[in-house]
């Protein structure tokens, strides 16, 4: 059963209700526009969001915390409300007489007071009477089109918060220092490579450049902004950049290079060109190459590496995903990510996901970043990313980039450094596989 309520609309409704998700119970076009079908699917379920759709394009309905029944009686609900959805805007009409919030009618669908009923009289029809325990403008709510093209009822499910973190983390400064030392002392297992090259790929504004700035800040000891980052709707990164990190201002280069690309955009001909990905992965792209979304790189480009070595190639790919936009990721963008994933898979390069802006996505994490693995919502977002991008949970790492802070936060640092450690581990796996490949070919030779 596919919900007609879009992911974006579901997110808008859920934002009104708290840390919740919606589970579709009843869909009239499948189960029938009858009171009997509605009650069979929805009785004793609560809380619920009921949604009506008409040919004029209006999306409207009501919320109640009370379970549906067939008693013929009114039920008290001081949290009930009617609503209309216009795009991503939710207009709410609260109940004015809570004692008459919901009426339990057996030959009808959801029945709110004497104001709004969906699947009224077991037909694909709406009953509408503003002022009867709910105040609303009928033209604004449903455009006075009282014929339903669809009716859905969703159960509202609370996303749990965990008493114990479901992924253990040591939130101590000693751990922060240990992680930093592990990164500084890391050496790739292949002698021809001195620095692991990690490619950052993501939607415009997801936080690719901010991730580099944040890691750079940790090792510099203060918040820095070397790479251009911001909130533009188009990519601020227009060049391919290989960012080297240093252990302090005058320190040695760290054994990892973060390669920043132009942001992905859903439209064709803008943002990172998918055809450039193979050139980047194979190490053909020169640093500071200026992207041309309408024309991919070719061998005649100035600085093009015709015979790149393993040290020039990409050893790990990190997809940077905004936790606030997981549920509303455009289909075309998802398709672009899928096309990239297929290219990377063919080359056997390890991949992971950096889930950014976790503090903006979840109030529990806003309060304290150490709650990131206690948040059921963040876990739910990680599971959704896992399903959409097709990567297991252990490949998804939540982080909080520095964006408005002036001083470092040790707990943010631990998340950021843990992400880098995971990149180095994945790169080691890749180098081991390459070494095995060469060993086998030597044996056969």
Protein backbone atom coordinates (compact mmCIF):
# COMPACT_ATOMS: atom_id res chain seq x y z
CA UNK A 1 0.00 0.00 0.00
CA UNK A 2 1.57 3.26 -1.12
CA UNK A 3 0.57 6.39 0.80
CA UNK A 4 -0.78 9.25 -1.30
CA UNK A 5 0.41 11.70 1.34
CA UNK A 6 3.90 12.62 0.18
CA UNK A 7 6.98 12.26 2.39
CA UNK A 8 7.18 16.04 2.56
CA UNK A 9 3.52 16.32 3.63
CA UNK A 10 3.96 13.55 6.19
CA UNK A 11 6.94 15.39 7.64
CA UNK A 12 4.86 18.59 7.88
CA UNK A 13 2.07 16.79 9.74
CA UNK A 14 4.51 14.95 12.03
CA UNK A 15 6.22 18.24 12.92
CA UNK A 16 2.90 19.31 14.46
CA UNK A 17 2.57 16.10 16.50
CA UNK A 18 6.09 15.62 17.88
CA UNK A 19 8.64 12.84 17.51
CA UNK A 20 6.36 10.55 15.48
CA UNK A 21 5.89 8.76 12.16
CA UNK A 22 2.74 7.82 10.21
CA UNK A 23 1.65 4.27 9.40
CA UNK A 24 -1.06 3.84 6.74
CA UNK A 25 -4.06 1.83 8.02
CA UNK A 26 -6.85 2.48 5.54
CA UNK A 27 -6.93 3.52 1.89
CA UNK A 28 -10.43 3.87 0.47
CA UNK A 29 -9.44 3.18 -3.16
CA UNK A 30 -8.17 -0.24 -2.03
CA UNK A 31 -10.38 -1.15 0.95
CA UNK A 32 -13.58 0.56 -0.20
CA UNK A 33 -15.41 3.86 0.35
CA UNK A 34 -17.58 2.36 3.10
CA UNK A 35 -17.98 2.85 6.82
CA UNK A 36 -17.63 -0.91 7.31
CA UNK A 37 -14.23 -1.03 5.54
CA UNK A 38 -13.02 2.01 7.47
CA UNK A 39 -14.07 0.58 10.86
CA UNK A 40 -12.62 -2.86 10.08
CA UNK A 41 -9.21 -1.28 9.45
CA UNK A 42 -9.22 1.55 11.99
CA UNK A 43 -11.35 0.74 15.06
CA UNK A 44 -9.42 0.76 18.33
CA UNK A 45 -6.41 2.42 16.66
CA UNK A 46 -5.12 5.73 17.98
CA UNK A 47 -3.96 8.42 17.62
CA UNK A 48 -4.84 8.85 13.95
CA UNK A 49 -4.59 11.35 11.11
CA UNK A 50 -7.42 11.11 8.57
CA UNK A 51 -6.87 12.65 5.14
CA UNK A 52 -9.28 13.43 2.32
CA UNK A 53 -8.33 14.27 -1.29
CA UNK A 54 -10.59 15.78 -3.95
CA UNK A 55 -10.35 16.43 -7.70
CA UNK A 56 -9.69 20.13 -7.08
CA UNK A 57 -6.35 19.14 -5.51
CA UNK A 58 -7.21 19.93 -1.89
CA UNK A 59 -5.69 17.81 0.90
CA UNK A 60 -7.56 18.08 4.21
CA UNK A 61 -8.68 16.09 7.22
CA UNK A 62 -8.42 15.75 10.98
CA UNK A 63 -6.43 14.42 13.93
CA UNK A 64 -7.72 12.68 17.03
CA UNK A 65 -5.99 10.89 19.90
CA UNK A 66 -9.15 8.82 20.54
CA UNK A 67 -9.72 5.32 19.06
CA UNK A 68 -12.50 4.98 16.50
CA UNK A 69 -15.60 2.90 17.37
CA UNK A 70 -19.26 2.48 16.29
CA UNK A 71 -21.10 3.56 19.44
CA UNK A 72 -23.00 6.46 17.87
CA UNK A 73 -21.70 8.67 20.70
CA UNK A 74 -19.52 11.79 20.80
CA UNK A 75 -16.04 11.36 22.31
CA UNK A 76 -14.08 13.99 24.22
CA UNK A 77 -10.72 15.04 22.75
CA UNK A 78 -9.15 18.38 23.68
CA UNK A 79 -6.24 17.80 21.26
CA UNK A 80 -8.33 17.13 18.14
CA UNK A 81 -8.04 19.44 15.16
CA UNK A 82 -8.99 19.71 11.51
CA UNK A 83 -6.47 20.82 8.91
CA UNK A 84 -5.76 21.62 5.29
CA UNK A 85 -2.42 21.09 3.57
CA UNK A 86 -1.36 23.59 0.95
CA UNK A 87 1.98 22.47 -0.43
CA UNK A 88 4.08 22.05 2.71
CA UNK A 89 2.00 24.52 4.76
CA UNK A 90 -0.35 23.10 7.39
CA UNK A 91 -3.35 25.24 8.38
CA UNK A 92 -4.94 23.98 11.62
CA UNK A 93 -8.49 24.43 12.94
CA UNK A 94 -8.58 23.36 16.63
CA UNK A 95 -11.67 21.82 18.21
CA UNK A 96 -13.82 24.47 19.93
CA UNK A 97 -15.96 22.05 21.97
CA UNK A 98 -13.74 19.14 23.06
CA UNK A 99 -16.70 17.15 24.41
CA UNK A 100 -17.99 16.83 20.84
CA UNK A 101 -14.64 16.37 19.08
CA UNK A 102 -15.32 13.04 17.36
CA UNK A 103 -18.55 11.18 16.61
CA UNK A 104 -18.53 7.38 16.33
CA UNK A 105 -20.77 6.65 13.32
CA UNK A 106 -20.98 3.12 11.90
CA UNK A 107 -21.93 3.95 8.28
CA UNK A 108 -19.30 6.67 7.81
CA UNK A 109 -15.58 7.15 7.80
CA UNK A 110 -13.81 9.60 10.19
CA UNK A 111 -16.44 11.94 11.67
CA UNK A 112 -15.26 15.11 13.42
CA UNK A 113 -17.95 16.74 15.58
CA UNK A 114 -20.74 17.84 13.27
CA UNK A 115 -18.22 19.75 11.13
CA UNK A 116 -16.44 17.29 8.83
CA UNK A 117 -16.97 13.67 7.81
CA UNK A 118 -15.02 11.68 5.25
CA UNK A 119 -16.61 8.72 3.37
CA UNK A 120 -19.91 10.16 4.57
CA UNK A 121 -22.86 7.74 4.35
CA UNK A 122 -20.49 5.06 2.96
CA UNK A 123 -19.89 7.06 -0.20
CA UNK A 124 -16.93 8.86 -1.75
CA UNK A 125 -18.31 12.05 -0.28
CA UNK A 126 -17.51 14.73 2.30
CA UNK A 127 -19.92 16.18 4.87
CA UNK A 128 -18.93 19.76 5.68
CA UNK A 129 -20.57 22.15 8.15
CA UNK A 130 -18.20 24.84 9.51
CA UNK A 131 -18.95 26.12 13.00
CA UNK A 132 -20.20 22.87 14.50
CA UNK A 133 -17.48 22.35 17.15
CA UNK A 134 -14.76 23.37 14.66
CA UNK A 135 -14.41 26.74 12.92
CA UNK A 136 -13.02 26.81 9.38
CA UNK A 137 -13.54 28.36 5.97
CA UNK A 138 -14.96 25.68 3.65
CA UNK A 139 -13.56 27.26 0.48
CA UNK A 140 -10.13 27.42 2.12
CA UNK A 141 -10.24 23.86 3.44
CA UNK A 142 -11.58 21.89 0.46
CA UNK A 143 -12.63 24.42 -2.17
CA UNK A 144 -16.29 23.36 -1.68
CA UNK A 145 -15.57 20.23 -3.70
CA UNK A 146 -17.28 17.54 -1.62
CA UNK A 147 -16.44 14.52 -3.77
CA UNK A 148 -13.53 12.39 -2.59
CA UNK A 149 -10.97 10.90 -4.98
CA UNK A 150 -9.22 9.22 -2.04
CA UNK A 151 -9.40 8.90 1.73
CA UNK A 152 -6.60 7.63 3.95
CA UNK A 153 -6.23 7.05 7.68
CA UNK A 154 -2.80 6.87 9.29
CA UNK A 155 -1.92 5.69 12.77
CA UNK A 156 0.47 8.03 14.58
CA UNK A 157 3.36 6.04 16.03
CA UNK A 158 5.72 7.54 18.60
CA UNK A 159 9.38 7.09 17.77
CA UNK A 160 11.00 5.91 21.01
CA UNK A 161 13.89 7.48 22.86
CA UNK A 162 16.37 4.98 24.25
CA UNK A 163 17.49 4.91 27.88
CA UNK A 164 20.80 3.45 26.78
CA UNK A 165 22.52 4.46 23.54
CA UNK A 166 22.01 1.84 20.84
CA UNK A 167 25.52 2.54 19.50
CA UNK A 168 28.05 2.95 22.34
CA UNK A 169 30.30 6.04 22.39
CA UNK A 170 32.82 7.14 25.02
CA UNK A 171 32.18 10.86 25.60
CA UNK A 172 35.48 11.69 27.30
CA UNK A 173 38.26 14.09 26.35
CA UNK A 174 40.72 11.18 26.58
CA UNK A 175 38.72 9.45 23.83
CA UNK A 176 38.92 12.61 21.72
CA UNK A 177 42.71 12.69 22.12
CA UNK A 178 43.02 8.97 21.34
CA UNK A 179 41.02 9.40 18.13
CA UNK A 180 43.19 12.33 17.08
CA UNK A 181 46.37 10.35 17.73
CA UNK A 182 45.02 7.34 15.83
CA UNK A 183 44.40 9.54 12.79
CA UNK A 184 47.80 11.27 13.02
CA UNK A 185 49.68 7.97 13.28
CA UNK A 186 47.69 6.09 10.63
CA UNK A 187 49.63 4.66 7.67
CA UNK A 188 47.95 3.09 4.63
CA UNK A 189 48.74 -0.60 4.21
CA UNK A 190 49.93 0.02 0.63
CA UNK A 191 53.42 1.56 0.38
CA UNK A 192 52.63 3.55 -2.78
CA UNK A 193 49.93 5.54 -0.95
CA UNK A 194 50.79 8.03 1.80
CA UNK A 195 47.36 9.65 2.13
CA UNK A 196 43.86 8.18 1.86
CA UNK A 197 41.73 10.10 -0.63
CA UNK A 198 38.05 10.35 0.38
CA UNK A 199 35.50 11.73 -2.09
CA UNK A 200 32.61 13.74 -0.58
CA UNK A 201 29.39 13.63 -2.61
CA UNK A 202 26.07 15.19 -1.63
CA UNK A 203 23.16 17.49 -2.32
CA UNK A 204 23.73 21.23 -2.40
CA UNK A 205 23.81 22.51 1.19
CA UNK A 206 24.18 19.06 2.80
CA UNK A 207 27.49 20.04 4.43
CA UNK A 208 30.38 18.62 2.34
CA UNK A 209 32.62 21.69 2.62
CA UNK A 210 31.46 22.21 6.21
CA UNK A 211 32.62 18.70 7.08
CA UNK A 212 36.15 19.49 5.85
CA UNK A 213 36.08 22.80 7.74
CA UNK A 214 34.95 20.99 10.89
CA UNK A 215 37.68 18.31 10.74
CA UNK A 216 40.21 21.04 9.98
CA UNK A 217 38.93 22.97 13.02
CA UNK A 218 39.42 19.98 15.33
CA UNK A 219 43.08 19.64 14.38
CA UNK A 220 43.73 23.40 14.32
CA UNK A 221 42.28 23.77 17.81
CA UNK A 222 39.76 26.45 16.85
CA UNK A 223 36.86 26.92 14.42
CA UNK A 224 38.11 27.61 10.88
CA UNK A 225 36.50 28.14 7.47
CA UNK A 226 39.07 27.30 4.82
CA UNK A 227 36.62 25.80 2.30
CA UNK A 228 33.73 27.93 1.04
CA UNK A 229 30.55 26.80 2.79
CA UNK A 230 27.12 28.31 3.28
CA UNK A 231 23.36 28.05 2.69
CA UNK A 232 23.04 28.81 -1.03
CA UNK A 233 20.45 26.93 -3.11
CA UNK A 234 23.11 26.34 -5.78
CA UNK A 235 26.53 24.79 -5.20
CA UNK A 236 29.12 27.09 -3.62
CA UNK A 237 31.79 24.55 -4.61
CA UNK A 238 32.49 25.07 -8.32
CA UNK A 239 35.94 23.46 -8.44
CA UNK A 240 37.24 20.00 -7.63
CA UNK A 241 39.30 20.50 -4.47
CA UNK A 242 41.68 18.09 -2.76
CA UNK A 243 41.81 19.42 0.78
CA UNK A 244 44.86 18.39 2.79
CA UNK A 245 44.49 18.47 6.56
CA UNK A 246 47.30 19.39 8.92
CA UNK A 247 47.95 18.47 12.54
CA UNK A 248 47.94 22.08 13.75
CA UNK A 249 48.86 25.30 11.98
CA UNK A 250 52.49 24.32 11.35
CA UNK A 251 51.92 20.59 11.73
CA UNK A 252 52.55 17.73 9.35
CA UNK A 253 49.90 16.79 6.76
CA UNK A 254 47.47 14.19 8.05
CA UNK A 255 47.20 10.85 6.20
CA UNK A 256 43.81 11.76 4.70
CA UNK A 257 42.75 14.08 1.86
CA UNK A 258 39.08 15.14 1.60
CA UNK A 259 38.07 15.69 -2.02
CA UNK A 260 35.21 18.16 -2.38
CA UNK A 261 32.92 18.17 -5.41
CA UNK A 262 30.17 20.36 -6.78
CA UNK A 263 26.84 19.72 -5.04
CA UNK A 264 24.28 17.34 -6.57
CA UNK A 265 21.09 18.94 -7.88
CA UNK A 266 17.93 17.20 -9.06
CA UNK A 267 17.68 19.03 -12.43
CA UNK A 268 19.61 17.87 -15.49
CA UNK A 269 22.47 20.10 -16.60
CA UNK A 270 23.13 21.64 -13.17
CA UNK A 271 25.30 20.58 -10.26
CA UNK A 272 27.81 17.72 -10.44
CA UNK A 273 27.81 15.93 -13.79
CA UNK A 274 27.42 12.18 -13.20
CA UNK A 275 29.81 11.50 -16.09
CA UNK A 276 32.60 13.27 -14.17
CA UNK A 277 32.36 10.72 -11.35
CA UNK A 278 34.35 8.02 -13.17
CA UNK A 279 37.12 10.52 -13.94
CA UNK A 280 37.26 11.57 -10.28
CA UNK A 281 37.28 7.98 -8.98
CA UNK A 282 40.07 6.99 -11.37
CA UNK A 283 42.22 9.97 -10.38
CA UNK A 284 42.14 11.81 -13.71
CA UNK A 285 40.84 15.10 -12.28
CA UNK A 286 43.41 17.78 -11.44
CA UNK A 287 43.01 19.84 -8.27
CA UNK A 288 41.06 23.06 -8.87
CA UNK A 289 39.41 21.66 -12.00
CA UNK A 290 36.38 23.87 -12.65
CA UNK A 291 33.22 21.82 -13.10
CA UNK A 292 31.04 22.30 -16.18
CA UNK A 293 27.64 20.71 -15.43
CA UNK A 294 26.73 20.55 -19.13
CA UNK A 295 30.03 18.99 -20.34
CA UNK A 296 32.01 16.26 -18.57
CA UNK A 297 35.79 16.20 -18.29
CA UNK A 298 37.75 14.85 -21.28
CA UNK A 299 41.37 13.86 -21.84
CA UNK A 300 42.15 17.19 -23.55
CA UNK A 301 41.36 19.16 -20.39
CA UNK A 302 44.35 21.07 -19.01
CA UNK A 303 45.93 19.13 -16.15
CA UNK A 304 44.15 15.87 -17.01
CA UNK A 305 46.08 12.91 -15.50
CA UNK A 306 46.35 10.35 -18.28
CA UNK A 307 48.07 7.66 -16.19
CA UNK A 308 47.03 8.14 -12.56
CA UNK A 309 48.50 5.85 -9.91
CA UNK A 310 46.74 4.33 -6.91
CA UNK A 311 47.80 7.36 -4.83
CA UNK A 312 45.79 9.65 -7.19
CA UNK A 313 42.63 7.57 -7.13
CA UNK A 314 39.72 7.67 -4.68
CA UNK A 315 39.96 5.11 -1.87
CA UNK A 316 36.62 5.77 -0.11
CA UNK A 317 33.39 7.59 -1.03
CA UNK A 318 31.33 9.43 1.58
CA UNK A 319 27.79 10.49 0.71
CA UNK A 320 26.86 13.58 2.71
CA UNK A 321 23.13 13.62 3.56
CA UNK A 322 21.21 16.32 5.46
CA UNK A 323 19.23 14.60 8.27
CA UNK A 324 16.55 17.29 7.97
CA UNK A 325 15.87 16.38 4.32
CA UNK A 326 16.03 12.59 4.29
CA UNK A 327 12.24 12.21 4.11
CA UNK A 328 11.85 14.82 1.37
CA UNK A 329 14.76 13.77 -0.86
CA UNK A 330 13.59 14.42 -4.46
CA UNK A 331 13.17 11.31 -6.61
CA UNK A 332 15.50 12.63 -9.33
CA UNK A 333 18.22 13.24 -6.76
CA UNK A 334 17.75 9.73 -5.42
CA UNK A 335 18.14 8.43 -8.98
CA UNK A 336 21.40 10.40 -9.40
CA UNK A 337 22.75 8.95 -6.15
CA UNK A 338 21.78 5.47 -7.33
CA UNK A 339 23.64 6.00 -10.63
CA UNK A 340 26.74 7.13 -8.73
CA UNK A 341 26.48 4.16 -6.34
CA UNK A 342 26.46 1.76 -9.30
CA UNK A 343 29.63 3.33 -10.72
CA UNK A 344 31.38 3.17 -7.34
CA UNK A 345 30.24 -0.44 -6.77
CA UNK A 346 31.71 -1.52 -10.11
CA UNK A 347 35.10 -0.23 -8.97
CA UNK A 348 34.84 -1.92 -5.57
CA UNK A 349 35.48 1.33 -3.68
CA UNK A 350 34.08 1.32 -0.10
CA UNK A 351 31.28 3.76 0.70
CA UNK A 352 29.67 5.30 3.77
CA UNK A 353 27.13 8.00 4.60
CA UNK A 354 27.75 11.10 6.71
CA UNK A 355 24.38 12.08 8.17
CA UNK A 356 24.78 15.80 8.90
CA UNK A 357 22.74 18.40 10.82
CA UNK A 358 21.51 15.82 13.35
CA UNK A 359 21.16 18.62 15.92
CA UNK A 360 18.75 20.51 13.64
CA UNK A 361 16.75 17.37 12.86
CA UNK A 362 16.11 16.26 16.46
CA UNK A 363 15.38 18.45 19.53
CA UNK A 364 16.89 15.78 21.81
CA UNK A 365 20.22 16.18 19.99
CA UNK A 366 19.89 19.97 19.91
CA UNK A 367 19.75 19.80 23.70
CA UNK A 368 22.87 17.61 23.92
CA UNK A 369 24.79 16.07 21.01
CA UNK A 370 25.57 13.09 23.26
CA UNK A 371 21.93 12.05 22.83
CA UNK A 372 22.50 11.25 19.15
CA UNK A 373 22.43 7.48 19.77
CA UNK A 374 19.57 7.75 22.26
CA UNK A 375 17.33 9.46 19.70
CA UNK A 376 14.80 7.16 18.12
CA UNK A 377 14.22 9.81 15.45
CA UNK A 378 17.88 9.85 14.37
CA UNK A 379 17.89 6.05 14.27
CA UNK A 380 14.72 6.18 12.16
CA UNK A 381 16.40 8.67 9.78
CA UNK A 382 19.46 6.42 9.53
CA UNK A 383 17.22 3.45 8.72
CA UNK A 384 15.47 5.52 6.04
CA UNK A 385 18.81 6.56 4.53
CA UNK A 386 19.87 2.91 4.62
CA UNK A 387 16.76 1.96 2.64
CA UNK A 388 16.93 4.84 0.15
CA UNK A 389 20.64 4.68 -0.66
CA UNK A 390 20.98 0.94 -0.14
CA UNK A 391 23.70 0.85 2.50
CA UNK A 392 23.79 -1.07 5.80
CA UNK A 393 23.46 0.79 9.10
CA UNK A 394 27.12 0.32 10.06
CA UNK A 395 28.02 2.44 7.01
CA UNK A 396 25.96 5.41 8.27
CA UNK A 397 27.68 7.84 10.63
CA UNK A 398 25.83 10.84 12.16
CA UNK A 399 27.87 14.03 12.61
CA UNK A 400 27.38 17.63 13.63
CA UNK A 401 29.45 20.10 11.61
CA UNK A 402 30.52 23.44 13.03
CA UNK A 403 28.31 26.14 11.53
CA UNK A 404 27.61 28.96 13.97
CA UNK A 405 29.89 28.10 16.90
CA UNK A 406 32.99 30.14 17.75
CA UNK A 407 34.52 27.52 20.06
CA UNK A 408 35.06 23.78 19.70
CA UNK A 409 32.83 21.26 21.47
CA UNK A 410 34.67 18.04 22.49
CA UNK A 411 31.51 15.98 21.98
CA UNK A 412 31.05 17.24 18.39
CA UNK A 413 34.74 16.50 17.84
CA UNK A 414 34.28 12.88 18.94
CA UNK A 415 31.51 12.34 16.36
CA UNK A 416 33.58 14.01 13.62
CA UNK A 417 36.77 12.11 14.46
CA UNK A 418 34.86 8.81 14.66
CA UNK A 419 33.65 9.43 11.10
CA UNK A 420 37.24 9.92 9.90
CA UNK A 421 38.35 6.72 11.68
CA UNK A 422 35.59 4.84 9.85
CA UNK A 423 36.83 6.26 6.52
CA UNK A 424 40.38 5.06 7.26
CA UNK A 425 39.14 1.60 8.24
CA UNK A 426 37.13 1.31 5.03
CA UNK A 427 40.13 2.47 2.99
CA UNK A 428 42.28 -0.22 4.68
CA UNK A 429 39.77 -2.84 3.53
CA UNK A 430 40.08 -1.48 -0.01
CA UNK A 431 43.89 -1.59 0.07
CA UNK A 432 43.80 -5.15 1.43
CA UNK A 433 41.54 -6.19 -1.43
CA UNK A 434 43.88 -4.59 -3.99
CA UNK A 435 46.90 -6.30 -2.42
CA UNK A 436 45.09 -9.66 -2.53
CA UNK A 437 44.20 -9.04 -6.18
CA UNK A 438 47.82 -8.40 -7.12
CA UNK A 439 49.02 -11.37 -5.06
CA UNK A 440 46.60 -13.68 -6.85
CA UNK A 441 47.58 -12.34 -10.26
CA UNK A 442 51.27 -12.87 -9.40
CA UNK A 443 50.57 -16.46 -8.39
CA UNK A 444 48.67 -17.11 -11.60
CA UNK A 445 51.42 -15.42 -13.60
